[in-house]
Amino acid sequence: MQQYNKWIDRLKGIGIITVVLGHTGNEFTHHYFFWFHMPLFFIISGYLFAPTLEFKKLLNWSFKKVNRLMIPYIFFGLCILGIIIIQNQDWSIESLLYGGRKLGYYYGVFWFVTCLLVTQLTFALTTYMFRSQILIIFIMAVFYGLAHVRGISQLMLPWSINTVLIALPYYAIGYYSRNMVHILKKKLILSLGIVVFCVIVILEQMQKLNYELDLKAGVYNHLYLDIIIPISCIVLLYHLSNNLKYRWLEKITESIGMASMSIMFLHIPIYILGLKYTNNGFLLGIIGILISYSIHQLFKLSFITRFMFLGMTTKRSSLKLQGTDQTIADSPK
């Protein structure tokens, strides 16, 4: 796999912050942050994907992905179920098993985990079966087209399997951009990203366009804009992650990025519980990040909690506390 770069952690840190703030009930952050935060994590995960030509290695890789994502899914889910039981005496676990769009409220972000897992396994199998890059890109384009067929995006399928149709192209964009990421550093690309974003915002303000993107809810209705707008926003975030003015700010975003899976699972329950004390969504979002990050650090102290909540199944992997294998990208909404 390509050399791991710290800007990936910083980008994930910025990304998970936008996920949290997008869930605080603020109309502005919900509208604009949803334009890119889910595509961002699919693209980052695809960027870090390394294909294999050996079936045995593919099976081993797939097994690791299932463990890394589904073990935390189960244990975080059971912990949250305990909160629900205490508050509402509701022992229902069917929705957690079914996953996808059936999950809401405390479980609002859990759809992403299963969707990403199916996306990863599907893309890995596709690259194993078909060696032609052109053919794979064509297949991804077909999936993207199917995702925009009226009615498919609204199906209530288990594990958000229908959302995989649009997640796969984002994942593929990340993978095939690995050797071209240096192009993003060019000022021309940054300028184009700024222009596209500003034009869309202006058109919205003039009521000439009403753009929304919500992968969980199946809201992706613009065949071209659903690629152009997220990528334009991600270009801006890429430059932001590489041009943070202070080293301490780099460290903070890197640390948050490395704890992004725990933050993803925990920020909504913390937000809901915090509503008993304040209606300040921004404050609850910041508190959610701080508490989730602190809990993540506690999880790292024990092999048992590393296994249960971080999906680290071996002592060797437990020592690798740095990098995306322990974060959401290899895994808010």
C-alpha atoms as a PDB file:
ATOM      1  CA  MET A   1       0.000   0.000   0.000  1.00  0.00           C
ATOM      2  CA  GLN A   2       1.135   3.539  -0.631  1.00  0.00           C
ATOM      3  CA  GLN A   3       2.985   5.390   2.135  1.00  0.00           C
ATOM      4  CA  TYR A   4       0.598   6.622   4.788  1.00  0.00           C
ATOM      5  CA  ASN A   5       0.494  10.390   5.131  1.00  0.00           C
ATOM      6  CA  LYS A   6      -0.548  12.459   8.111  1.00  0.00           C
ATOM      7  CA  TRP A   7      -2.753  14.655   5.935  1.00  0.00           C
ATOM      8  CA  ILE A   8      -5.131  11.694   5.716  1.00  0.00           C
ATOM      9  CA  ASP A   9      -5.643  11.762   9.489  1.00  0.00           C
ATOM     10  CA  ARG A  10      -6.076  15.539   9.381  1.00  0.00           C
ATOM     11  CA  LEU A  11      -8.608  15.221   6.564  1.00  0.00           C
ATOM     12  CA  LYS A  12     -10.521  12.565   8.494  1.00  0.00           C
ATOM     13  CA  GLY A  13     -10.392  14.749  11.580  1.00  0.00           C
ATOM     14  CA  ILE A  14     -11.904  17.675   9.710  1.00  0.00           C
ATOM     15  CA  GLY A  15     -14.396  15.286   8.124  1.00  0.00           C
ATOM     16  CA  ILE A  16     -15.653  13.787  11.394  1.00  0.00           C
ATOM     17  CA  ILE A  17     -15.997  17.285  12.867  1.00  0.00           C
ATOM     18  CA  THR A  18     -18.314  18.183   9.968  1.00  0.00           C
ATOM     19  CA  VAL A  19     -20.249  14.951  10.574  1.00  0.00           C
ATOM     20  CA  VAL A  20     -20.799  15.877  14.224  1.00  0.00           C
ATOM     21  CA  LEU A  21     -21.732  19.483  13.459  1.00  0.00           C
ATOM     22  CA  GLY A  22     -24.041  18.286  10.691  1.00  0.00           C
ATOM     23  CA  HIS A  23     -26.028  16.384  13.328  1.00  0.00           C
ATOM     24  CA  THR A  24     -26.471  19.272  15.768  1.00  0.00           C
ATOM     25  CA  GLY A  25     -29.776  20.448  14.352  1.00  0.00           C
ATOM     26  CA  ASN A  26     -28.295  23.542  12.746  1.00  0.00           C
ATOM     27  CA  GLU A  27     -29.881  24.120   9.348  1.00  0.00           C
ATOM     28  CA  PHE A  28     -26.720  25.596   7.799  1.00  0.00           C
ATOM     29  CA  THR A  29     -24.329  22.813   8.839  1.00  0.00           C
ATOM     30  CA  HIS A  30     -26.861  20.098   8.045  1.00  0.00           C
ATOM     31  CA  HIS A  31     -27.414  21.425   4.547  1.00  0.00           C
ATOM     32  CA  TYR A  32     -23.860  22.216   3.483  1.00  0.00           C
ATOM     33  CA  PHE A  33     -21.817  19.623   5.388  1.00  0.00           C
ATOM     34  CA  PHE A  34     -24.005  16.836   4.015  1.00  0.00           C
ATOM     35  CA  TRP A  35     -22.787  17.818   0.544  1.00  0.00           C
ATOM     36  CA  PHE A  36     -19.468  16.113   1.161  1.00  0.00           C
ATOM     37  CA  HIS A  37     -18.872  14.422   4.512  1.00  0.00           C
ATOM     38  CA  MET A  38     -20.106  10.929   3.591  1.00  0.00           C
ATOM     39  CA  PRO A  39     -18.521  10.897   0.093  1.00  0.00           C
ATOM     40  CA  LEU A  40     -15.322  12.088   1.792  1.00  0.00           C
ATOM     41  CA  PHE A  41     -15.049   8.996   3.970  1.00  0.00           C
ATOM     42  CA  PHE A  42     -15.834   6.619   1.110  1.00  0.00           C
ATOM     43  CA  ILE A  43     -13.198   8.353  -1.029  1.00  0.00           C
ATOM     44  CA  ILE A  44     -10.565   8.220   1.731  1.00  0.00           C
ATOM     45  CA  SER A  45     -11.244   4.534   2.292  1.00  0.00           C
ATOM     46  CA  GLY A  46     -10.911   3.882  -1.431  1.00  0.00           C
ATOM     47  CA  TYR A  47      -7.664   5.864  -1.504  1.00  0.00           C
ATOM     48  CA  LEU A  48      -6.243   3.469   1.099  1.00  0.00           C
ATOM     49  CA  PHE A  49      -7.451   0.293  -0.621  1.00  0.00           C
ATOM     50  CA  ALA A  50      -4.782  -2.116  -1.849  1.00  0.00           C
ATOM     51  CA  PRO A  51      -5.978  -4.795  -4.327  1.00  0.00           C
ATOM     52  CA  THR A  52      -4.756  -8.374  -4.314  1.00  0.00           C
ATOM     53  CA  LEU A  53      -4.522 -10.962  -7.085  1.00  0.00           C
ATOM     54  CA  GLU A  54      -4.503 -13.945  -4.716  1.00  0.00           C
ATOM     55  CA  PHE A  55      -7.805 -15.405  -3.549  1.00  0.00           C
ATOM     56  CA  LYS A  56      -6.379 -16.511  -0.191  1.00  0.00           C
ATOM     57  CA  LYS A  57      -5.173 -12.972   0.544  1.00  0.00           C
ATOM     58  CA  LEU A  58      -8.545 -11.612  -0.536  1.00  0.00           C
ATOM     59  CA  LEU A  59     -10.323 -13.881   1.957  1.00  0.00           C
ATOM     60  CA  ASN A  60      -7.907 -12.916   4.718  1.00  0.00           C
ATOM     61  CA  TRP A  61      -8.354  -9.209   3.934  1.00  0.00           C
ATOM     62  CA  SER A  62     -12.150  -9.591   3.877  1.00  0.00           C
ATOM     63  CA  PHE A  63     -12.137 -11.399   7.225  1.00  0.00           C
ATOM     64  CA  LYS A  64     -10.101  -8.580   8.760  1.00  0.00           C
ATOM     65  CA  LYS A  65     -12.505  -5.964   7.386  1.00  0.00           C
ATOM     66  CA  VAL A  66     -15.508  -7.805   8.821  1.00  0.00           C
ATOM     67  CA  ASN A  67     -13.820  -7.967  12.222  1.00  0.00           C
ATOM     68  CA  ARG A  68     -12.623  -4.377  12.139  1.00  0.00           C
ATOM     69  CA  LEU A  69     -16.082  -3.008  11.378  1.00  0.00           C
ATOM     70  CA  MET A  70     -18.637  -5.451  12.732  1.00  0.00           C
ATOM     71  CA  ILE A  71     -17.118  -6.146  16.150  1.00  0.00           C
ATOM     72  CA  PRO A  72     -17.313  -2.452  17.140  1.00  0.00           C
ATOM     73  CA  TYR A  73     -20.745  -2.284  15.481  1.00  0.00           C
ATOM     74  CA  ILE A  74     -21.975  -5.047  17.773  1.00  0.00           C
ATOM     75  CA  PHE A  75     -20.444  -3.819  21.029  1.00  0.00           C
ATOM     76  CA  PHE A  76     -21.222  -0.139  20.529  1.00  0.00           C
ATOM     77  CA  GLY A  77     -24.720  -1.215  19.519  1.00  0.00           C
ATOM     78  CA  LEU A  78     -25.186  -3.286  22.684  1.00  0.00           C
ATOM     79  CA  CYS A  79     -23.937  -0.445  24.883  1.00  0.00           C
ATOM     80  CA  ILE A  80     -26.371   1.976  23.270  1.00  0.00           C
ATOM     81  CA  LEU A  81     -29.124  -0.640  23.601  1.00  0.00           C
ATOM     82  CA  GLY A  82     -28.427  -0.605  27.337  1.00  0.00           C
ATOM     83  CA  ILE A  83     -29.064   3.158  27.403  1.00  0.00           C
ATOM     84  CA  ILE A  84     -32.299   2.689  25.455  1.00  0.00           C
ATOM     85  CA  ILE A  85     -33.464  -0.057  27.827  1.00  0.00           C
ATOM     86  CA  ILE A  86     -32.788   2.099  30.887  1.00  0.00           C
ATOM     87  CA  GLN A  87     -34.607   5.091  29.408  1.00  0.00           C
ATOM     88  CA  ASN A  88     -37.476   3.499  27.507  1.00  0.00           C
ATOM     89  CA  GLN A  89     -37.641  -0.137  28.626  1.00  0.00           C
ATOM     90  CA  ASP A  90     -37.343  -1.027  24.938  1.00  0.00           C
ATOM     91  CA  TRP A  91     -35.499  -4.326  24.399  1.00  0.00           C
ATOM     92  CA  SER A  92     -35.923  -4.314  20.621  1.00  0.00           C
ATOM     93  CA  ILE A  93     -32.758  -5.288  18.770  1.00  0.00           C
ATOM     94  CA  GLU A  94     -34.284  -6.114  15.379  1.00  0.00           C
ATOM     95  CA  SER A  95     -33.469  -2.733  13.841  1.00  0.00           C
ATOM     96  CA  LEU A  96     -29.793  -3.052  14.837  1.00  0.00           C
ATOM     97  CA  LEU A  97     -29.616  -6.422  13.083  1.00  0.00           C
ATOM     98  CA  TYR A  98     -31.456  -5.175   9.998  1.00  0.00           C
ATOM     99  CA  GLY A  99     -29.405  -1.985   9.888  1.00  0.00           C
ATOM    100  CA  GLY A 100     -29.602   0.589   7.135  1.00  0.00           C
ATOM    101  CA  ARG A 101     -32.329   3.201   7.070  1.00  0.00           C
ATOM    102  CA  LYS A 102     -34.306   1.473   9.810  1.00  0.00           C
ATOM    103  CA  LEU A 103     -31.715   2.749  12.257  1.00  0.00           C
ATOM    104  CA  GLY A 104     -32.410   6.154  13.690  1.00  0.00           C
ATOM    105  CA  TYR A 105     -32.077   8.293  16.805  1.00  0.00           C
ATOM    106  CA  TYR A 106     -29.317   6.748  18.987  1.00  0.00           C
ATOM    107  CA  TYR A 107     -28.309   4.454  16.105  1.00  0.00           C
ATOM    108  CA  GLY A 108     -28.447   7.192  13.465  1.00  0.00           C
ATOM    109  CA  VAL A 109     -24.888   6.688  12.185  1.00  0.00           C
ATOM    110  CA  PHE A 110     -24.728   2.896  12.242  1.00  0.00           C
ATOM    111  CA  TRP A 111     -25.912   2.541   8.635  1.00  0.00           C
ATOM    112  CA  PHE A 112     -22.531   3.743   7.405  1.00  0.00           C
ATOM    113  CA  VAL A 113     -20.566   0.866   8.929  1.00  0.00           C
ATOM    114  CA  THR A 114     -22.407  -1.917   7.119  1.00  0.00           C
ATOM    115  CA  CYS A 115     -22.659   0.135   3.931  1.00  0.00           C
ATOM    116  CA  LEU A 116     -18.905   0.711   3.924  1.00  0.00           C
ATOM    117  CA  LEU A 117     -18.206  -2.948   4.637  1.00  0.00           C
ATOM    118  CA  VAL A 118     -20.320  -4.120   1.696  1.00  0.00           C
ATOM    119  CA  THR A 119     -18.734  -1.399  -0.455  1.00  0.00           C
ATOM    120  CA  GLN A 120     -15.217  -2.522   0.456  1.00  0.00           C
ATOM    121  CA  LEU A 121     -15.935  -6.210  -0.113  1.00  0.00           C
ATOM    122  CA  THR A 122     -17.704  -5.548  -3.417  1.00  0.00           C
ATOM    123  CA  PHE A 123     -14.913  -3.360  -4.774  1.00  0.00           C
ATOM    124  CA  ALA A 124     -12.252  -5.833  -3.655  1.00  0.00           C
ATOM    125  CA  LEU A 125     -14.085  -8.686  -5.382  1.00  0.00           C
ATOM    126  CA  THR A 126     -14.549  -6.577  -8.519  1.00  0.00           C
ATOM    127  CA  THR A 127     -10.828  -5.741  -8.752  1.00  0.00           C
ATOM    128  CA  TYR A 128     -10.016  -9.406  -8.158  1.00  0.00           C
ATOM    129  CA  MET A 129     -12.363 -10.682 -10.875  1.00  0.00           C
ATOM    130  CA  PHE A 130     -11.666  -8.002 -13.482  1.00  0.00           C
ATOM    131  CA  ARG A 131      -8.124  -6.833 -14.160  1.00  0.00           C
ATOM    132  CA  SER A 132      -9.067  -4.182 -16.733  1.00  0.00           C
ATOM    133  CA  GLN A 133      -9.174  -0.702 -15.229  1.00  0.00           C
ATOM    134  CA  ILE A 134     -11.435   0.539 -18.007  1.00  0.00           C
ATOM    135  CA  LEU A 135     -13.902  -2.294 -17.367  1.00  0.00           C
ATOM    136  CA  ILE A 136     -13.932  -1.630 -13.627  1.00  0.00           C
ATOM    137  CA  ILE A 137     -14.552   2.079 -14.192  1.00  0.00           C
ATOM    138  CA  PHE A 138     -17.384   1.166 -16.557  1.00  0.00           C
ATOM    139  CA  ILE A 139     -18.912  -1.109 -13.908  1.00  0.00           C
ATOM    140  CA  MET A 140     -18.683   1.694 -11.330  1.00  0.00           C
ATOM    141  CA  ALA A 141     -20.376   4.058 -13.789  1.00  0.00           C
ATOM    142  CA  VAL A 142     -23.209   1.551 -14.242  1.00  0.00           C
ATOM    143  CA  PHE A 143     -23.639   1.316 -10.459  1.00  0.00           C
ATOM    144  CA  TYR A 144     -23.696   5.109 -10.243  1.00  0.00           C
ATOM    145  CA  GLY A 145     -26.374   5.274 -12.924  1.00  0.00           C
ATOM    146  CA  LEU A 146     -28.469   2.613 -11.200  1.00  0.00           C
ATOM    147  CA  ALA A 147     -28.208   4.516  -7.925  1.00  0.00           C
ATOM    148  CA  HIS A 148     -29.998   7.418  -9.606  1.00  0.00           C
ATOM    149  CA  VAL A 149     -32.841   5.338 -10.994  1.00  0.00           C
ATOM    150  CA  ARG A 150     -36.038   6.582  -9.423  1.00  0.00           C
ATOM    151  CA  GLY A 151     -37.173   4.367  -6.559  1.00  0.00           C
ATOM    152  CA  ILE A 152     -33.967   2.373  -6.006  1.00  0.00           C
ATOM    153  CA  SER A 153     -32.495   4.894  -3.590  1.00  0.00           C
ATOM    154  CA  GLN A 154     -35.678   4.810  -1.467  1.00  0.00           C
ATOM    155  CA  LEU A 155     -35.727   1.059  -0.883  1.00  0.00           C
ATOM    156  CA  MET A 156     -35.517   0.009   2.761  1.00  0.00           C
ATOM    157  CA  LEU A 157     -32.975  -2.750   2.215  1.00  0.00           C
ATOM    158  CA  PRO A 158     -30.958  -4.326   5.046  1.00  0.00           C
ATOM    159  CA  TRP A 159     -27.543  -2.830   5.751  1.00  0.00           C
ATOM    160  CA  SER A 160     -28.258   0.013   3.257  1.00  0.00           C
ATOM    161  CA  ILE A 161     -27.227  -2.279   0.434  1.00  0.00           C
ATOM    162  CA  ASN A 162     -28.865  -0.044  -2.167  1.00  0.00           C
ATOM    163  CA  THR A 163     -26.728   2.884  -0.977  1.00  0.00           C
ATOM    164  CA  VAL A 164     -23.688   0.809  -1.956  1.00  0.00           C
ATOM    165  CA  LEU A 165     -24.555   1.639  -5.570  1.00  0.00           C
ATOM    166  CA  ILE A 166     -23.518   5.268  -5.058  1.00  0.00           C
ATOM    167  CA  ALA A 167     -20.867   4.533  -2.430  1.00  0.00           C
ATOM    168  CA  LEU A 168     -18.893   2.314  -4.824  1.00  0.00           C
ATOM    169  CA  PRO A 169     -18.182   5.106  -7.356  1.00  0.00           C
ATOM    170  CA  TYR A 170     -16.959   7.369  -4.541  1.00  0.00           C
ATOM    171  CA  TYR A 171     -14.769   4.536  -3.281  1.00  0.00           C
ATOM    172  CA  ALA A 172     -13.435   3.980  -6.799  1.00  0.00           C
ATOM    173  CA  ILE A 173     -12.666   7.688  -7.177  1.00  0.00           C
ATOM    174  CA  GLY A 174     -10.528   7.471  -4.054  1.00  0.00           C
ATOM    175  CA  TYR A 175      -8.728   4.389  -5.294  1.00  0.00           C
ATOM    176  CA  TYR A 176      -7.971   5.658  -8.796  1.00  0.00           C
ATOM    177  CA  SER A 177      -6.912   9.081  -7.537  1.00  0.00           C
ATOM    178  CA  ARG A 178      -3.985   7.654  -5.538  1.00  0.00           C
ATOM    179  CA  ASN A 179      -1.461   8.373  -8.252  1.00  0.00           C
ATOM    180  CA  MET A 180      -2.989  11.746  -9.086  1.00  0.00           C
ATOM    181  CA  VAL A 181      -3.408  13.264  -5.627  1.00  0.00           C
ATOM    182  CA  HIS A 182      -0.460  15.587  -6.250  1.00  0.00           C
ATOM    183  CA  ILE A 183      -2.609  17.347  -8.852  1.00  0.00           C
ATOM    184  CA  LEU A 184      -4.851  18.598  -6.045  1.00  0.00           C
ATOM    185  CA  LYS A 185      -1.980  20.754  -4.813  1.00  0.00           C
ATOM    186  CA  LYS A 186      -2.144  22.901  -7.930  1.00  0.00           C
ATOM    187  CA  LYS A 187      -3.652  26.333  -7.458  1.00  0.00           C
ATOM    188  CA  LEU A 188      -5.762  25.862 -10.593  1.00  0.00           C
ATOM    189  CA  ILE A 189      -7.545  22.872  -9.042  1.00  0.00           C
ATOM    190  CA  LEU A 190      -8.105  24.806  -5.823  1.00  0.00           C
ATOM    191  CA  SER A 191      -9.493  27.719  -7.814  1.00  0.00           C
ATOM    192  CA  LEU A 192     -11.865  25.434  -9.700  1.00  0.00           C
ATOM    193  CA  GLY A 193     -13.086  23.944  -6.451  1.00  0.00           C
ATOM    194  CA  ILE A 194     -13.760  27.381  -5.015  1.00  0.00           C
ATOM    195  CA  VAL A 195     -15.533  28.538  -8.172  1.00  0.00           C
ATOM    196  CA  VAL A 196     -17.802  25.465  -8.335  1.00  0.00           C
ATOM    197  CA  PHE A 197     -18.723  25.723  -4.659  1.00  0.00           C
ATOM    198  CA  CYS A 198     -19.426  29.461  -4.868  1.00  0.00           C
ATOM    199  CA  VAL A 199     -21.487  29.115  -8.059  1.00  0.00           C
ATOM    200  CA  ILE A 200     -23.692  26.417  -6.482  1.00  0.00           C
ATOM    201  CA  VAL A 201     -24.189  28.477  -3.323  1.00  0.00           C
ATOM    202  CA  ILE A 202     -25.056  31.581  -5.370  1.00  0.00           C
ATOM    203  CA  LEU A 203     -27.510  29.631  -7.516  1.00  0.00           C
ATOM    204  CA  GLU A 204     -29.158  28.343  -4.355  1.00  0.00           C
ATOM    205  CA  GLN A 205     -29.412  31.828  -2.893  1.00  0.00           C
ATOM    206  CA  MET A 206     -30.990  32.991  -6.160  1.00  0.00           C
ATOM    207  CA  GLN A 207     -33.389  30.024  -5.903  1.00  0.00           C
ATOM    208  CA  LYS A 208     -32.230  28.752  -9.284  1.00  0.00           C
ATOM    209  CA  LEU A 209     -31.085  25.469  -7.760  1.00  0.00           C
ATOM    210  CA  ASN A 210     -31.971  23.401  -4.725  1.00  0.00           C
ATOM    211  CA  TYR A 211     -29.194  20.892  -4.139  1.00  0.00           C
ATOM    212  CA  GLU A 212     -29.294  18.246  -1.418  1.00  0.00           C
ATOM    213  CA  LEU A 213     -27.174  15.181  -0.744  1.00  0.00           C
ATOM    214  CA  ASP A 214     -28.065  12.706   1.998  1.00  0.00           C
ATOM    215  CA  LEU A 215     -26.799   9.196   1.349  1.00  0.00           C
ATOM    216  CA  LYS A 216     -28.599   7.575   4.271  1.00  0.00           C
ATOM    217  CA  ALA A 217     -31.968   9.077   3.316  1.00  0.00           C
ATOM    218  CA  GLY A 218     -31.425   8.208  -0.353  1.00  0.00           C
ATOM    219  CA  VAL A 219     -31.398  11.864  -1.410  1.00  0.00           C
ATOM    220  CA  TYR A 220     -29.120  12.023  -4.439  1.00  0.00           C
ATOM    221  CA  ASN A 221     -31.061  13.223  -7.428  1.00  0.00           C
ATOM    222  CA  HIS A 222     -28.497  15.081  -9.572  1.00  0.00           C
ATOM    223  CA  LEU A 223     -26.544  12.724 -11.801  1.00  0.00           C
ATOM    224  CA  TYR A 224     -23.683  15.139 -12.466  1.00  0.00           C
ATOM    225  CA  LEU A 225     -23.751  17.363  -9.402  1.00  0.00           C
ATOM    226  CA  ASP A 226     -23.568  14.384  -7.038  1.00  0.00           C
ATOM    227  CA  ILE A 227     -20.013  13.894  -8.287  1.00  0.00           C
ATOM    228  CA  ILE A 228     -18.977  17.466  -9.051  1.00  0.00           C
ATOM    229  CA  ILE A 229     -20.074  19.124  -5.804  1.00  0.00           C
ATOM    230  CA  PRO A 230     -18.671  16.593  -3.293  1.00  0.00           C
ATOM    231  CA  ILE A 231     -15.331  16.467  -5.118  1.00  0.00           C
ATOM    232  CA  SER A 232     -15.154  20.269  -5.267  1.00  0.00           C
ATOM    233  CA  CYS A 233     -15.759  20.480  -1.528  1.00  0.00           C
ATOM    234  CA  ILE A 234     -13.223  17.721  -0.837  1.00  0.00           C
ATOM    235  CA  VAL A 235     -10.598  19.613  -2.861  1.00  0.00           C
ATOM    236  CA  LEU A 236     -11.105  22.556  -0.509  1.00  0.00           C
ATOM    237  CA  LEU A 237     -10.832  20.310   2.557  1.00  0.00           C
ATOM    238  CA  TYR A 238      -7.690  18.691   1.143  1.00  0.00           C
ATOM    239  CA  HIS A 239      -6.016  22.090   0.899  1.00  0.00           C
ATOM    240  CA  LEU A 240      -7.261  22.978   4.374  1.00  0.00           C
ATOM    241  CA  SER A 241      -5.793  19.764   5.836  1.00  0.00           C
ATOM    242  CA  ASN A 242      -2.436  20.518   4.210  1.00  0.00           C
ATOM    243  CA  ASN A 243      -2.312  24.196   5.116  1.00  0.00           C
ATOM    244  CA  LEU A 244      -3.265  24.392   8.767  1.00  0.00           C
ATOM    245  CA  LYS A 245      -1.389  27.391  10.105  1.00  0.00           C
ATOM    246  CA  TYR A 246      -0.313  26.021  13.498  1.00  0.00           C
ATOM    247  CA  ARG A 247       1.338  22.722  14.374  1.00  0.00           C
ATOM    248  CA  TRP A 248      -0.895  22.302  17.432  1.00  0.00           C
ATOM    249  CA  LEU A 249      -3.922  22.539  15.145  1.00  0.00           C
ATOM    250  CA  GLU A 250      -2.435  19.829  12.922  1.00  0.00           C
ATOM    251  CA  LYS A 251      -1.923  17.615  15.972  1.00  0.00           C
ATOM    252  CA  ILE A 252      -5.487  18.107  17.156  1.00  0.00           C
ATOM    253  CA  THR A 253      -7.059  17.277  13.800  1.00  0.00           C
ATOM    254  CA  GLU A 254      -4.748  14.273  13.358  1.00  0.00           C
ATOM    255  CA  SER A 255      -5.708  12.938  16.790  1.00  0.00           C
ATOM    256  CA  ILE A 256      -9.407  13.478  16.129  1.00  0.00           C
ATOM    257  CA  GLY A 257      -9.041  11.735  12.763  1.00  0.00           C
ATOM    258  CA  MET A 258      -7.425   8.697  14.382  1.00  0.00           C
ATOM    259  CA  ALA A 259     -10.343   8.493  16.832  1.00  0.00           C
ATOM    260  CA  SER A 260     -12.993   9.057  14.177  1.00  0.00           C
ATOM    261  CA  MET A 261     -14.675   5.659  14.512  1.00  0.00           C
ATOM    262  CA  SER A 262     -15.307   6.090  18.228  1.00  0.00           C
ATOM    263  CA  ILE A 263     -16.492   9.665  17.664  1.00  0.00           C
ATOM    264  CA  MET A 264     -18.781   8.454  14.901  1.00  0.00           C
ATOM    265  CA  PHE A 265     -20.444   5.833  17.111  1.00  0.00           C
ATOM    266  CA  LEU A 266     -20.748   7.949  20.260  1.00  0.00           C
ATOM    267  CA  HIS A 267     -21.467  11.552  19.291  1.00  0.00           C
ATOM    268  CA  ILE A 268     -25.217  11.137  18.685  1.00  0.00           C
ATOM    269  CA  PRO A 269     -25.975   9.324  21.986  1.00  0.00           C
ATOM    270  CA  ILE A 270     -23.948  12.000  23.812  1.00  0.00           C
ATOM    271  CA  TYR A 271     -25.870  14.708  21.944  1.00  0.00           C
ATOM    272  CA  ILE A 272     -29.254  13.157  22.827  1.00  0.00           C
ATOM    273  CA  LEU A 273     -28.351  12.754  26.504  1.00  0.00           C
ATOM    274  CA  GLY A 274     -27.000  16.314  26.574  1.00  0.00           C
ATOM    275  CA  LEU A 275     -30.309  17.750  25.368  1.00  0.00           C
ATOM    276  CA  LYS A 276     -31.568  17.303  28.926  1.00  0.00           C
ATOM    277  CA  TYR A 277     -29.247  20.089  30.007  1.00  0.00           C
ATOM    278  CA  THR A 278     -28.936  22.440  27.023  1.00  0.00           C
ATOM    279  CA  ASN A 279     -30.363  23.053  23.568  1.00  0.00           C
ATOM    280  CA  ASN A 280     -27.125  24.574  22.281  1.00  0.00           C
ATOM    281  CA  GLY A 281     -26.377  22.206  19.394  1.00  0.00           C
ATOM    282  CA  PHE A 282     -22.895  23.572  18.695  1.00  0.00           C
ATOM    283  CA  LEU A 283     -21.882  23.196  22.352  1.00  0.00           C
ATOM    284  CA  LEU A 284     -23.251  19.647  22.449  1.00  0.00           C
ATOM    285  CA  GLY A 285     -21.319  18.860  19.258  1.00  0.00           C
ATOM    286  CA  ILE A 286     -18.045  20.036  20.795  1.00  0.00           C
ATOM    287  CA  ILE A 287     -18.784  18.132  24.001  1.00  0.00           C
ATOM    288  CA  GLY A 288     -19.607  15.058  21.939  1.00  0.00           C
ATOM    289  CA  ILE A 289     -16.239  15.215  20.193  1.00  0.00           C
ATOM    290  CA  LEU A 290     -14.322  15.727  23.451  1.00  0.00           C
ATOM    291  CA  ILE A 291     -16.082  12.943  25.353  1.00  0.00           C
ATOM    292  CA  SER A 292     -15.927  10.505  22.424  1.00  0.00           C
ATOM    293  CA  TYR A 293     -12.229  11.241  21.932  1.00  0.00           C
ATOM    294  CA  SER A 294     -11.534  10.689  25.644  1.00  0.00           C
ATOM    295  CA  ILE A 295     -13.412   7.384  25.631  1.00  0.00           C
ATOM    296  CA  HIS A 296     -11.441   6.312  22.564  1.00  0.00           C
ATOM    297  CA  GLN A 297      -8.193   6.933  24.456  1.00  0.00           C
ATOM    298  CA  LEU A 298      -9.490   4.789  27.323  1.00  0.00           C
ATOM    299  CA  PHE A 299     -10.367   1.990  24.890  1.00  0.00           C
ATOM    300  CA  LYS A 300      -6.732   1.902  23.774  1.00  0.00           C
ATOM    301  CA  LEU A 301      -5.513   1.024  27.278  1.00  0.00           C
ATOM    302  CA  SER A 302      -6.809  -2.544  27.339  1.00  0.00           C
ATOM    303  CA  PHE A 303      -6.613  -5.365  24.806  1.00  0.00           C
ATOM    304  CA  ILE A 304     -10.209  -6.315  25.668  1.00  0.00           C
ATOM    305  CA  THR A 305     -11.610  -2.863  24.892  1.00  0.00           C
ATOM    306  CA  ARG A 306      -9.353  -2.560  21.848  1.00  0.00           C
ATOM    307  CA  PHE A 307     -10.944  -5.770  20.597  1.00  0.00           C
ATOM    308  CA  MET A 308     -14.522  -4.845  21.508  1.00  0.00           C
ATOM    309  CA  PHE A 309     -14.667  -1.223  20.420  1.00  0.00           C
ATOM    310  CA  LEU A 310     -11.762  -0.715  18.008  1.00  0.00           C
ATOM    311  CA  GLY A 311     -11.947  -4.067  16.237  1.00  0.00           C
ATOM    312  CA  MET A 312      -8.293  -4.964  16.935  1.00  0.00           C
ATOM    313  CA  THR A 313      -8.228  -8.739  17.001  1.00  0.00           C
ATOM    314  CA  THR A 314      -4.495  -9.376  17.539  1.00  0.00           C
ATOM    315  CA  LYS A 315      -1.813  -7.937  19.783  1.00  0.00           C
ATOM    316  CA  ARG A 316       0.096  -6.907  16.699  1.00  0.00           C
ATOM    317  CA  SER A 317      -2.778  -4.841  15.391  1.00  0.00           C
ATOM    318  CA  SER A 318      -3.261  -3.405  18.862  1.00  0.00           C
ATOM    319  CA  LEU A 319       0.187  -1.904  18.644  1.00  0.00           C
ATOM    320  CA  LYS A 320      -0.774  -0.145  15.393  1.00  0.00           C
ATOM    321  CA  LEU A 321      -2.712   2.633  17.048  1.00  0.00           C
ATOM    322  CA  GLN A 322      -1.787   5.034  14.290  1.00  0.00           C
ATOM    323  CA  GLY A 323      -3.347   5.189  10.841  1.00  0.00           C
ATOM    324  CA  THR A 324      -6.656   4.597   9.215  1.00  0.00           C
ATOM    325  CA  ASP A 325      -6.955   0.884  10.020  1.00  0.00           C
ATOM    326  CA  GLN A 326      -8.214   1.975  13.435  1.00  0.00           C
ATOM    327  CA  THR A 327     -10.509   4.684  12.140  1.00  0.00           C
ATOM    328  CA  ILE A 328     -13.694   5.358  10.321  1.00  0.00           C
ATOM    329  CA  ALA A 329     -12.049   5.541   6.919  1.00  0.00           C
ATOM    330  CA  ASP A 330     -11.370   1.863   6.962  1.00  0.00           C
ATOM    331  CA  SER A 331     -14.603   1.430   8.463  1.00  0.00           C
ATOM    332  CA  PRO A 332     -20.606   8.848  10.430  1.00  0.00           C
ATOM    333  CA  LYS A 333     -23.638   9.710   9.840  1.00  0.00           C
END
